[in-house]
Amino acid sequence: SGSGRFGNVLWVGIDDGDWLKRLARRLNREFVPHDERRPFHGHVTVARSRGRGMDQASRQGLAEYQGPRWTPDHLSLVASELGPNPRYTDLHRWPLAGNG
């Protein structure tokens, strides 16, 4: 639910209750050096842009967006190689079970 921008990334938010935030905190403690940790914002990236069009897009329609409910069945660790030809590579997948 909701939307926003991280630099040139347009995202829609994930209304996740609390389980995803707990998982993110645990993963941060385990794998991210303390000086590189950032606040967690559950989201799905929907676009990347080099122009100013995302300001307008995020204000028009996506601010009130409410997507369908869905339950993930796995967690993926993904390497992002950005640039003119971005690539995303799954490094590892873990199954998720239960309701959080």
C-alpha atoms as a PDB file:
ATOM      1  CA  SER A   1       0.000   0.000   0.000  1.00  0.00           C
ATOM      2  CA  GLY A   2       1.173   3.519  -0.729  1.00  0.00           C
ATOM      3  CA  SER A   3       4.123   4.496  -2.891  1.00  0.00           C
ATOM      4  CA  GLY A   4       7.247   6.590  -2.952  1.00  0.00           C
ATOM      5  CA  ARG A   5      10.733   7.057  -4.332  1.00  0.00           C
ATOM      6  CA  PHE A   6      14.234   6.068  -3.342  1.00  0.00           C
ATOM      7  CA  GLY A   7      16.293   8.255  -5.671  1.00  0.00           C
ATOM      8  CA  ASN A   8      15.440   6.990  -9.159  1.00  0.00           C
ATOM      9  CA  VAL A   9      13.372   4.017  -7.910  1.00  0.00           C
ATOM     10  CA  LEU A  10       9.574   4.127  -7.841  1.00  0.00           C
ATOM     11  CA  TRP A  11       8.100   1.651  -5.354  1.00  0.00           C
ATOM     12  CA  VAL A  12       4.787   0.494  -3.953  1.00  0.00           C
ATOM     13  CA  GLY A  13       4.703  -0.370  -0.278  1.00  0.00           C
ATOM     14  CA  ILE A  14       4.054  -3.683   1.408  1.00  0.00           C
ATOM     15  CA  ASP A  15       1.549  -3.645   4.257  1.00  0.00           C
ATOM     16  CA  ASP A  16       3.112  -6.615   6.010  1.00  0.00           C
ATOM     17  CA  GLY A  17       1.921  -6.504   9.575  1.00  0.00           C
ATOM     18  CA  ASP A  18       5.060  -7.068  11.604  1.00  0.00           C
ATOM     19  CA  TRP A  19       6.637 -10.336  10.441  1.00  0.00           C
ATOM     20  CA  LEU A  20       8.617  -8.824   7.565  1.00  0.00           C
ATOM     21  CA  LYS A  21      10.074  -6.084   9.783  1.00  0.00           C
ATOM     22  CA  ARG A  22      11.165  -8.702  12.339  1.00  0.00           C
ATOM     23  CA  LEU A  23      12.774 -10.770   9.582  1.00  0.00           C
ATOM     24  CA  ALA A  24      14.576  -7.702   8.175  1.00  0.00           C
ATOM     25  CA  ARG A  25      15.937  -6.783  11.624  1.00  0.00           C
ATOM     26  CA  ARG A  26      17.234 -10.316  12.096  1.00  0.00           C
ATOM     27  CA  LEU A  27      18.869 -10.406   8.652  1.00  0.00           C
ATOM     28  CA  ASN A  28      20.453  -6.994   9.270  1.00  0.00           C
ATOM     29  CA  ARG A  29      21.950  -8.192  12.568  1.00  0.00           C
ATOM     30  CA  GLU A  30      23.297 -11.357  10.930  1.00  0.00           C
ATOM     31  CA  PHE A  31      24.607 -10.082   7.598  1.00  0.00           C
ATOM     32  CA  VAL A  32      24.929  -6.282   7.410  1.00  0.00           C
ATOM     33  CA  PRO A  33      27.837  -4.422   9.036  1.00  0.00           C
ATOM     34  CA  HIS A  34      26.547  -2.043  11.689  1.00  0.00           C
ATOM     35  CA  ASP A  35      27.715   1.106   9.856  1.00  0.00           C
ATOM     36  CA  GLU A  36      25.885   0.030   6.645  1.00  0.00           C
ATOM     37  CA  ARG A  37      22.456  -0.649   8.171  1.00  0.00           C
ATOM     38  CA  ARG A  38      19.509   1.416   6.972  1.00  0.00           C
ATOM     39  CA  PRO A  39      15.875   1.540   8.069  1.00  0.00           C
ATOM     40  CA  PHE A  40      13.769  -1.179   6.454  1.00  0.00           C
ATOM     41  CA  HIS A  41      10.946  -0.201   4.081  1.00  0.00           C
ATOM     42  CA  GLY A  42       9.061  -3.230   2.736  1.00  0.00           C
ATOM     43  CA  HIS A  43       8.377  -2.505  -0.935  1.00  0.00           C
ATOM     44  CA  VAL A  44       8.183  -3.776  -4.478  1.00  0.00           C
ATOM     45  CA  THR A  45      10.194  -1.836  -7.052  1.00  0.00           C
ATOM     46  CA  VAL A  46       7.953  -1.025 -10.009  1.00  0.00           C
ATOM     47  CA  ALA A  47      10.191   1.309 -12.067  1.00  0.00           C
ATOM     48  CA  ARG A  48      13.578   2.954 -12.371  1.00  0.00           C
ATOM     49  CA  SER A  49      14.029   6.225 -14.203  1.00  0.00           C
ATOM     50  CA  ARG A  50      16.618   8.790 -15.113  1.00  0.00           C
ATOM     51  CA  GLY A  51      14.004  11.482 -15.690  1.00  0.00           C
ATOM     52  CA  ARG A  52      11.577  13.508 -13.607  1.00  0.00           C
ATOM     53  CA  GLY A  53       8.459  11.577 -14.667  1.00  0.00           C
ATOM     54  CA  MET A  54       8.414   9.506 -11.489  1.00  0.00           C
ATOM     55  CA  ASP A  55       7.595  12.519  -9.335  1.00  0.00           C
ATOM     56  CA  GLN A  56       4.403  12.946 -11.314  1.00  0.00           C
ATOM     57  CA  ALA A  57       3.655   9.199 -11.432  1.00  0.00           C
ATOM     58  CA  SER A  58       4.044   8.762  -7.685  1.00  0.00           C
ATOM     59  CA  ARG A  59       1.664  11.660  -7.046  1.00  0.00           C
ATOM     60  CA  GLN A  60      -0.907  10.501  -9.618  1.00  0.00           C
ATOM     61  CA  GLY A  61      -2.598   7.309  -8.538  1.00  0.00           C
ATOM     62  CA  LEU A  62       0.072   5.328  -6.743  1.00  0.00           C
ATOM     63  CA  ALA A  63      -0.082   7.345  -3.525  1.00  0.00           C
ATOM     64  CA  GLU A  64      -3.418   5.687  -2.691  1.00  0.00           C
ATOM     65  CA  TYR A  65      -2.592   2.334  -4.283  1.00  0.00           C
ATOM     66  CA  GLN A  66      -3.859  -0.798  -2.520  1.00  0.00           C
ATOM     67  CA  GLY A  67      -2.710  -3.954  -4.279  1.00  0.00           C
ATOM     68  CA  PRO A  68      -3.959  -7.504  -3.884  1.00  0.00           C
ATOM     69  CA  ARG A  69      -3.117  -9.551  -0.798  1.00  0.00           C
ATOM     70  CA  TRP A  70      -0.588 -12.315  -1.371  1.00  0.00           C
ATOM     71  CA  THR A  71       1.662 -14.508   0.725  1.00  0.00           C
ATOM     72  CA  PRO A  72       5.288 -15.086  -0.307  1.00  0.00           C
ATOM     73  CA  ASP A  73       6.499 -18.669  -0.322  1.00  0.00           C
ATOM     74  CA  HIS A  74      10.246 -17.950  -0.357  1.00  0.00           C
ATOM     75  CA  LEU A  75      12.866 -15.335   0.460  1.00  0.00           C
ATOM     76  CA  SER A  76      15.588 -14.591  -2.104  1.00  0.00           C
ATOM     77  CA  LEU A  77      18.976 -12.983  -1.582  1.00  0.00           C
ATOM     78  CA  VAL A  78      19.537 -11.020  -4.805  1.00  0.00           C
ATOM     79  CA  ALA A  79      22.662  -9.359  -6.174  1.00  0.00           C
ATOM     80  CA  SER A  80      21.878  -6.168  -8.109  1.00  0.00           C
ATOM     81  CA  GLU A  81      24.257  -5.010 -10.810  1.00  0.00           C
ATOM     82  CA  LEU A  82      22.968  -1.608 -11.888  1.00  0.00           C
ATOM     83  CA  GLY A  83      24.034   0.392 -14.899  1.00  0.00           C
ATOM     84  CA  PRO A  84      23.004   0.633 -18.550  1.00  0.00           C
ATOM     85  CA  ASN A  85      22.041  -3.085 -18.578  1.00  0.00           C
ATOM     86  CA  PRO A  86      21.029  -3.943 -14.997  1.00  0.00           C
ATOM     87  CA  ARG A  87      21.136  -7.583 -13.906  1.00  0.00           C
ATOM     88  CA  TYR A  88      19.611  -9.269 -10.882  1.00  0.00           C
ATOM     89  CA  THR A  89      20.947 -12.646  -9.803  1.00  0.00           C
ATOM     90  CA  ASP A  90      19.395 -14.897  -7.159  1.00  0.00           C
ATOM     91  CA  LEU A  91      22.250 -15.890  -4.862  1.00  0.00           C
ATOM     92  CA  HIS A  92      20.167 -18.055  -2.539  1.00  0.00           C
ATOM     93  CA  ARG A  93      16.516 -18.919  -1.827  1.00  0.00           C
ATOM     94  CA  TRP A  94      14.928 -19.955   1.444  1.00  0.00           C
ATOM     95  CA  PRO A  95      11.404 -21.354   1.769  1.00  0.00           C
ATOM     96  CA  LEU A  96       8.973 -19.512   4.043  1.00  0.00           C
ATOM     97  CA  ALA A  97       6.384 -21.449   5.985  1.00  0.00           C
ATOM     98  CA  GLY A  98       3.556 -20.602   8.374  1.00  0.00           C
ATOM     99  CA  ASN A  99       1.958 -17.180   8.699  1.00  0.00           C
ATOM    100  CA  GLY A 100       5.000 -15.124   9.590  1.00  0.00           C
END
